[in-house]
PDB file of N, CA and C in Angstrom:
ATOM      1  N   MET A   1      10.204  13.867  13.136  1.00  0.00           N
ATOM      2  CA  MET A   1       9.498  13.438  14.265  1.00  0.00           C
ATOM      3  C   MET A   1       9.539  11.774  13.091  1.00  0.00           C
ATOM      4  N   ALA A   2       9.270  11.163  13.725  1.00  0.00           N
ATOM      5  CA  ALA A   2       8.829   9.398  13.152  1.00  0.00           C
ATOM      6  C   ALA A   2       7.642   9.385  13.134  1.00  0.00           C
ATOM      7  N   ASN A   3       7.912   8.252  11.949  1.00  0.00           N
ATOM      8  CA  ASN A   3       6.259   7.889  11.330  1.00  0.00           C
ATOM      9  C   ASN A   3       5.825   6.846  12.307  1.00  0.00           C
ATOM     10  N   TYR A   4       4.138   6.906  12.290  1.00  0.00           N
ATOM     11  CA  TYR A   4       4.000   6.329  12.797  1.00  0.00           C
ATOM     12  C   TYR A   4       2.897   5.351  11.958  1.00  0.00           C
ATOM     13  N   TYR A   5       3.435   3.800  11.820  1.00  0.00           N
ATOM     14  CA  TYR A   5       2.277   2.976  10.928  1.00  0.00           C
ATOM     15  C   TYR A   5       1.460   2.274  11.595  1.00  0.00           C
ATOM     16  N   THR A   6       0.029   2.523  11.444  1.00  0.00           N
ATOM     17  CA  THR A   6      -1.149   1.775  12.216  1.00  0.00           C
ATOM     18  C   THR A   6      -1.046   0.173  11.714  1.00  0.00           C
ATOM     19  N   PRO A   7      -1.134  -0.760  12.061  1.00  0.00           N
ATOM     20  CA  PRO A   7      -1.301  -2.328  12.041  1.00  0.00           C
ATOM     21  C   PRO A   7      -2.590  -2.091  11.213  1.00  0.00           C
ATOM     22  N   PHE A   8      -2.835  -3.372  10.109  1.00  0.00           N
ATOM     23  CA  PHE A   8      -3.872  -3.481   9.168  1.00  0.00           C
ATOM     24  C   PHE A   8      -3.615  -4.980   8.978  1.00  0.00           C
ATOM     25  N   SER A   9      -4.493  -5.551   9.104  1.00  0.00           N
ATOM     26  CA  SER A   9      -4.607  -7.212   8.884  1.00  0.00           C
ATOM     27  C   SER A   9      -5.122  -7.229   7.215  1.00  0.00           C
ATOM     28  N   LEU A  10      -4.973  -7.559   6.554  1.00  0.00           N
ATOM     29  CA  LEU A  10      -4.813  -8.013   5.109  1.00  0.00           C
ATOM     30  C   LEU A  10      -5.678  -9.420   4.805  1.00  0.00           C
ATOM     31  N   ARG A  11      -6.432  -9.991   4.487  1.00  0.00           N
ATOM     32  CA  ARG A  11      -6.646 -11.160   3.721  1.00  0.00           C
ATOM     33  C   ARG A  11      -6.353 -11.379   2.232  1.00  0.00           C
ATOM     34  N   VAL A  12      -5.534 -12.451   1.807  1.00  0.00           N
ATOM     35  CA  VAL A  12      -5.544 -12.095   0.300  1.00  0.00           C
ATOM     36  C   VAL A  12      -5.099 -14.195  -0.060  1.00  0.00           C
ATOM     37  N   SER A  13      -5.398 -14.393  -1.368  1.00  0.00           N
ATOM     38  CA  SER A  13      -5.135 -15.831  -1.433  1.00  0.00           C
ATOM     39  C   SER A  13      -4.019 -15.832  -1.489  1.00  0.00           C
ATOM     40  N   GLU A  14      -3.770 -17.190  -1.452  1.00  0.00           N
ATOM     41  CA  GLU A  14      -2.123 -17.554  -1.357  1.00  0.00           C
ATOM     42  C   GLU A  14      -1.517 -17.638  -2.568  1.00  0.00           C
ATOM     43  N   GLU A  15      -1.879 -17.559  -3.878  1.00  0.00           N
ATOM     44  CA  GLU A  15      -1.686 -17.365  -5.200  1.00  0.00           C
ATOM     45  C   GLU A  15      -0.929 -15.641  -5.479  1.00  0.00           C
ATOM     46  N   LEU A  16      -2.003 -15.153  -4.683  1.00  0.00           N
ATOM     47  CA  LEU A  16      -1.639 -13.135  -4.634  1.00  0.00           C
ATOM     48  C   LEU A  16      -0.741 -12.937  -3.954  1.00  0.00           C
ATOM     49  N   LEU A  17      -0.650 -13.739  -2.577  1.00  0.00           N
ATOM     50  CA  LEU A  17       0.614 -13.502  -1.795  1.00  0.00           C
ATOM     51  C   LEU A  17       1.781 -14.301  -2.093  1.00  0.00           C
ATOM     52  N   ASP A  18       1.969 -14.841  -2.665  1.00  0.00           N
ATOM     53  CA  ASP A  18       3.354 -15.645  -3.374  1.00  0.00           C
ATOM     54  C   ASP A  18       3.356 -14.435  -4.636  1.00  0.00           C
ATOM     55  N   LYS A  19       2.439 -13.990  -5.454  1.00  0.00           N
ATOM     56  CA  LYS A  19       3.038 -13.034  -6.465  1.00  0.00           C
ATOM     57  C   LYS A  19       3.777 -11.665  -5.845  1.00  0.00           C
ATOM     58  N   VAL A  20       2.820 -11.258  -4.453  1.00  0.00           N
ATOM     59  CA  VAL A  20       3.319  -9.986  -4.281  1.00  0.00           C
ATOM     60  C   VAL A  20       5.127 -10.258  -3.767  1.00  0.00           C
ATOM     61  N   LYS A  21       5.375 -11.503  -2.960  1.00  0.00           N
ATOM     62  CA  LYS A  21       6.320 -11.927  -2.715  1.00  0.00           C
ATOM     63  C   LYS A  21       7.321 -11.896  -3.836  1.00  0.00           C
ATOM     64  N   GLN A  22       6.860 -12.688  -4.425  1.00  0.00           N
ATOM     65  CA  GLN A  22       7.858 -12.335  -6.046  1.00  0.00           C
ATOM     66  C   GLN A  22       8.386 -10.678  -6.398  1.00  0.00           C
ATOM     67  N   LEU A  23       7.463  -9.931  -6.466  1.00  0.00           N
ATOM     68  CA  LEU A  23       7.616  -8.945  -7.206  1.00  0.00           C
ATOM     69  C   LEU A  23       8.620  -7.932  -6.119  1.00  0.00           C
ATOM     70  N   ALA A  24       8.448  -8.462  -4.730  1.00  0.00           N
ATOM     71  CA  ALA A  24       8.872  -7.801  -3.363  1.00  0.00           C
ATOM     72  C   ALA A  24      10.536  -7.714  -3.755  1.00  0.00           C
ATOM     73  N   ALA A  25      10.473  -9.173  -3.741  1.00  0.00           N
ATOM     74  CA  ALA A  25      12.380  -9.592  -4.201  1.00  0.00           C
ATOM     75  C   ALA A  25      12.577  -9.004  -5.168  1.00  0.00           C
ATOM     76  N   ALA A  26      11.747  -8.922  -6.349  1.00  0.00           N
ATOM     77  CA  ALA A  26      12.504  -8.424  -7.441  1.00  0.00           C
ATOM     78  C   ALA A  26      13.262  -6.611  -7.077  1.00  0.00           C
ATOM     79  N   HIS A  27      12.335  -5.866  -6.476  1.00  0.00           N
ATOM     80  CA  HIS A  27      12.203  -4.586  -6.118  1.00  0.00           C
ATOM     81  C   HIS A  27      13.263  -5.127  -4.939  1.00  0.00           C
ATOM     82  N   LYS A  28      13.769  -5.849  -3.953  1.00  0.00           N
ATOM     83  CA  LYS A  28      14.838  -6.009  -3.026  1.00  0.00           C
ATOM     84  C   LYS A  28      13.834  -4.794  -1.839  1.00  0.00           C
ATOM     85  N   ARG A  29      12.668  -5.281  -1.711  1.00  0.00           N
ATOM     86  CA  ARG A  29      11.768  -4.962  -0.507  1.00  0.00           C
ATOM     87  C   ARG A  29      10.925  -5.702   0.123  1.00  0.00           C
ATOM     88  N   SER A  30      10.343  -5.803   1.500  1.00  0.00           N
ATOM     89  CA  SER A  30       9.856  -6.788   1.572  1.00  0.00           C
ATOM     90  C   SER A  30       7.978  -6.553   1.434  1.00  0.00           C
ATOM     91  N   ALA A  31       7.638  -7.701   1.507  1.00  0.00           N
ATOM     92  CA  ALA A  31       6.170  -7.854   0.968  1.00  0.00           C
ATOM     93  C   ALA A  31       5.494  -6.704   1.325  1.00  0.00           C
ATOM     94  N   ASN A  32       5.298  -6.498   2.558  1.00  0.00           N
ATOM     95  CA  ASN A  32       4.919  -4.875   3.400  1.00  0.00           C
ATOM     96  C   ASN A  32       4.664  -4.539   2.795  1.00  0.00           C
ATOM     97  N   LYS A  33       6.439  -4.176   2.232  1.00  0.00           N
ATOM     98  CA  LYS A  33       6.527  -2.483   1.524  1.00  0.00           C
ATOM     99  C   LYS A  33       6.196  -2.507   0.121  1.00  0.00           C
ATOM    100  N   GLU A  34       5.735  -3.565  -0.211  1.00  0.00           N
ATOM    101  CA  GLU A  34       5.590  -4.011  -1.978  1.00  0.00           C
ATOM    102  C   GLU A  34       3.850  -3.699  -1.683  1.00  0.00           C
ATOM    103  N   ILE A  35       3.550  -3.794  -1.039  1.00  0.00           N
ATOM    104  CA  ILE A  35       2.220  -3.772  -0.682  1.00  0.00           C
ATOM    105  C   ILE A  35       1.651  -2.127  -0.538  1.00  0.00           C
ATOM    106  N   GLU A  36       2.360  -1.703   0.736  1.00  0.00           N
ATOM    107  CA  GLU A  36       2.259   0.240   0.589  1.00  0.00           C
ATOM    108  C   GLU A  36       2.532   0.341  -0.966  1.00  0.00           C
ATOM    109  N   PHE A  37       3.560   0.157  -1.243  1.00  0.00           N
ATOM    110  CA  PHE A  37       3.462   0.873  -2.528  1.00  0.00           C
ATOM    111  C   PHE A  37       2.685   0.578  -3.424  1.00  0.00           C
ATOM    112  N   ALA A  38       2.046  -0.263  -3.423  1.00  0.00           N
ATOM    113  CA  ALA A  38       1.029  -0.544  -4.584  1.00  0.00           C
ATOM    114  C   ALA A  38      -0.188   0.367  -4.261  1.00  0.00           C
ATOM    115  N   LEU A  39      -0.439   0.449  -2.961  1.00  0.00           N
ATOM    116  CA  LEU A  39      -1.637   1.037  -2.184  1.00  0.00           C
ATOM    117  C   LEU A  39      -1.602   2.334  -2.863  1.00  0.00           C
ATOM    118  N   GLU A  40       0.049   3.220  -2.535  1.00  0.00           N
ATOM    119  CA  GLU A  40       0.507   4.634  -2.764  1.00  0.00           C
ATOM    120  C   GLU A  40       0.172   4.976  -4.367  1.00  0.00           C
ATOM    121  N   GLN A  41       0.440   3.930  -5.042  1.00  0.00           N
ATOM    122  CA  GLN A  41       0.496   4.651  -6.881  1.00  0.00           C
ATOM    123  C   GLN A  41      -0.756   4.048  -6.710  1.00  0.00           C
ATOM    124  N   TYR A  42      -1.798   3.561  -5.836  1.00  0.00           N
ATOM    125  CA  TYR A  42      -3.063   3.182  -6.963  1.00  0.00           C
ATOM    126  C   TYR A  42      -4.029   4.956  -6.141  1.00  0.00           C
ATOM    127  N   VAL A  43      -3.525   4.799  -5.292  1.00  0.00           N
ATOM    128  CA  VAL A  43      -4.540   6.288  -4.308  1.00  0.00           C
ATOM    129  C   VAL A  43      -4.032   7.494  -5.606  1.00  0.00           C
ATOM    130  N   ALA A  44      -2.557   7.310  -5.679  1.00  0.00           N
ATOM    131  CA  ALA A  44      -1.643   8.727  -6.293  1.00  0.00           C
ATOM    132  C   ALA A  44      -2.870   8.812  -7.762  1.00  0.00           C
ATOM    133  N   ALA A  45      -2.985   7.682  -8.387  1.00  0.00           N
ATOM    134  CA  ALA A  45      -3.707   7.923  -9.849  1.00  0.00           C
ATOM    135  C   ALA A  45      -5.071   7.993  -9.290  1.00  0.00           C
ATOM    136  N   TYR A  46      -5.721   7.406  -8.264  1.00  0.00           N
ATOM    137  CA  TYR A  46      -7.084   7.981  -8.209  1.00  0.00           C
ATOM    138  C   TYR A  46      -7.258   9.729  -7.952  1.00  0.00           C
ATOM    139  N   GLU A  47      -6.760   9.812  -7.500  1.00  0.00           N
ATOM    140  CA  GLU A  47      -6.101  11.766  -7.130  1.00  0.00           C
ATOM    141  C   GLU A  47      -5.797  12.300  -8.430  1.00  0.00           C
ATOM    142  N   LYS A  48      -4.998  11.987  -9.509  1.00  0.00           N
ATOM    143  CA  LYS A  48      -4.779  12.729 -10.639  1.00  0.00           C
ATOM    144  C   LYS A  48      -5.779  12.579 -11.360  1.00  0.00           C
ATOM    145  N   GLU A  49      -6.642  11.576 -11.291  1.00  0.00           N
ATOM    146  CA  GLU A  49      -7.863  11.388 -12.064  1.00  0.00           C
ATOM    147  C   GLU A  49      -9.266  12.324 -11.474  1.00  0.00           C
ATOM    148  N   HIS A  50      -9.793  11.843 -10.010  1.00  0.00           N
ATOM    149  CA  HIS A  50     -10.503  12.544  -9.590  1.00  0.00           C
ATOM    150  C   HIS A  50     -10.630  13.757  -8.451  1.00  0.00           C
ATOM    151  N   GLY A  51      -8.944  14.129  -8.157  1.00  0.00           N
ATOM    152  CA  GLY A  51      -8.765  14.995  -7.042  1.00  0.00           C
ATOM    153  C   GLY A  51      -8.361  14.541  -5.956  1.00  0.00           C
ATOM    154  N   SER A  52      -8.154  15.307  -4.912  1.00  0.00           N
ATOM    155  CA  SER A  52      -7.419  14.928  -3.853  1.00  0.00           C
ATOM    156  C   SER A  52      -8.794  14.041  -2.814  1.00  0.00           C
ATOM    157  N   ILE A  53      -8.319  13.167  -2.396  1.00  0.00           N
ATOM    158  CA  ILE A  53      -9.214  12.814  -1.412  1.00  0.00           C
ATOM    159  C   ILE A  53      -9.299  13.616  -0.195  1.00  0.00           C
ATOM    160  N   ARG A  54     -10.166  13.749   0.367  1.00  0.00           N
ATOM    161  CA  ARG A  54     -10.830  14.753   1.612  1.00  0.00           C
ATOM    162  C   ARG A  54     -10.666  13.763   2.723  1.00  0.00           C
ATOM    163  N   LEU A  55      -9.790  14.205   3.756  1.00  0.00           N
ATOM    164  CA  LEU A  55      -9.921  13.197   5.231  1.00  0.00           C
ATOM    165  C   LEU A  55     -10.694  14.023   5.956  1.00  0.00           C
ATOM    166  N   PRO A  56     -11.528  13.359   6.713  1.00  0.00           N
ATOM    167  CA  PRO A  56     -12.448  14.082   8.059  1.00  0.00           C
ATOM    168  C   PRO A  56     -11.194  14.485   8.792  1.00  0.00           C
ATOM    169  N   PRO A  57     -11.388  15.583   9.726  1.00  0.00           N
ATOM    170  CA  PRO A  57     -10.850  16.257  10.464  1.00  0.00           C
ATOM    171  C   PRO A  57     -10.574  14.978  11.639  1.00  0.00           C
ATOM    172  N   GLN A  58      -9.704  15.042  12.028  1.00  0.00           N
ATOM    173  CA  GLN A  58      -9.185  14.047  13.770  1.00  0.00           C
ATOM    174  C   GLN A  58      -9.528  14.460  14.666  1.00  0.00           C
ATOM    175  N   ALA A  59     -10.133  13.581  15.781  1.00  0.00           N
ATOM    176  CA  ALA A  59     -10.513  14.408  17.014  1.00  0.00           C
ATOM    177  C   ALA A  59      -9.393  14.009  17.981  1.00  0.00           C
TER     178      ALA A  59
END
C-alpha cells in the first residue's frame, strides 16, 4: 500500500530555509525530506522522554 502524505505549508525565514537546503544537499535529499527527517527526530526524542503521543481516533 502506498503512503499518502498530507500537504502542509510552512513559513520559515529565508535564512533558516537556506540552512535547511544546505543540510539537505549534504545529506543528498530534498529540503522537504530534510524537514521531514528533523520532525521525525524531534517527535521520537519527545516520545522517548514523555511516552507515546496518543492520537484521537479518526472518523
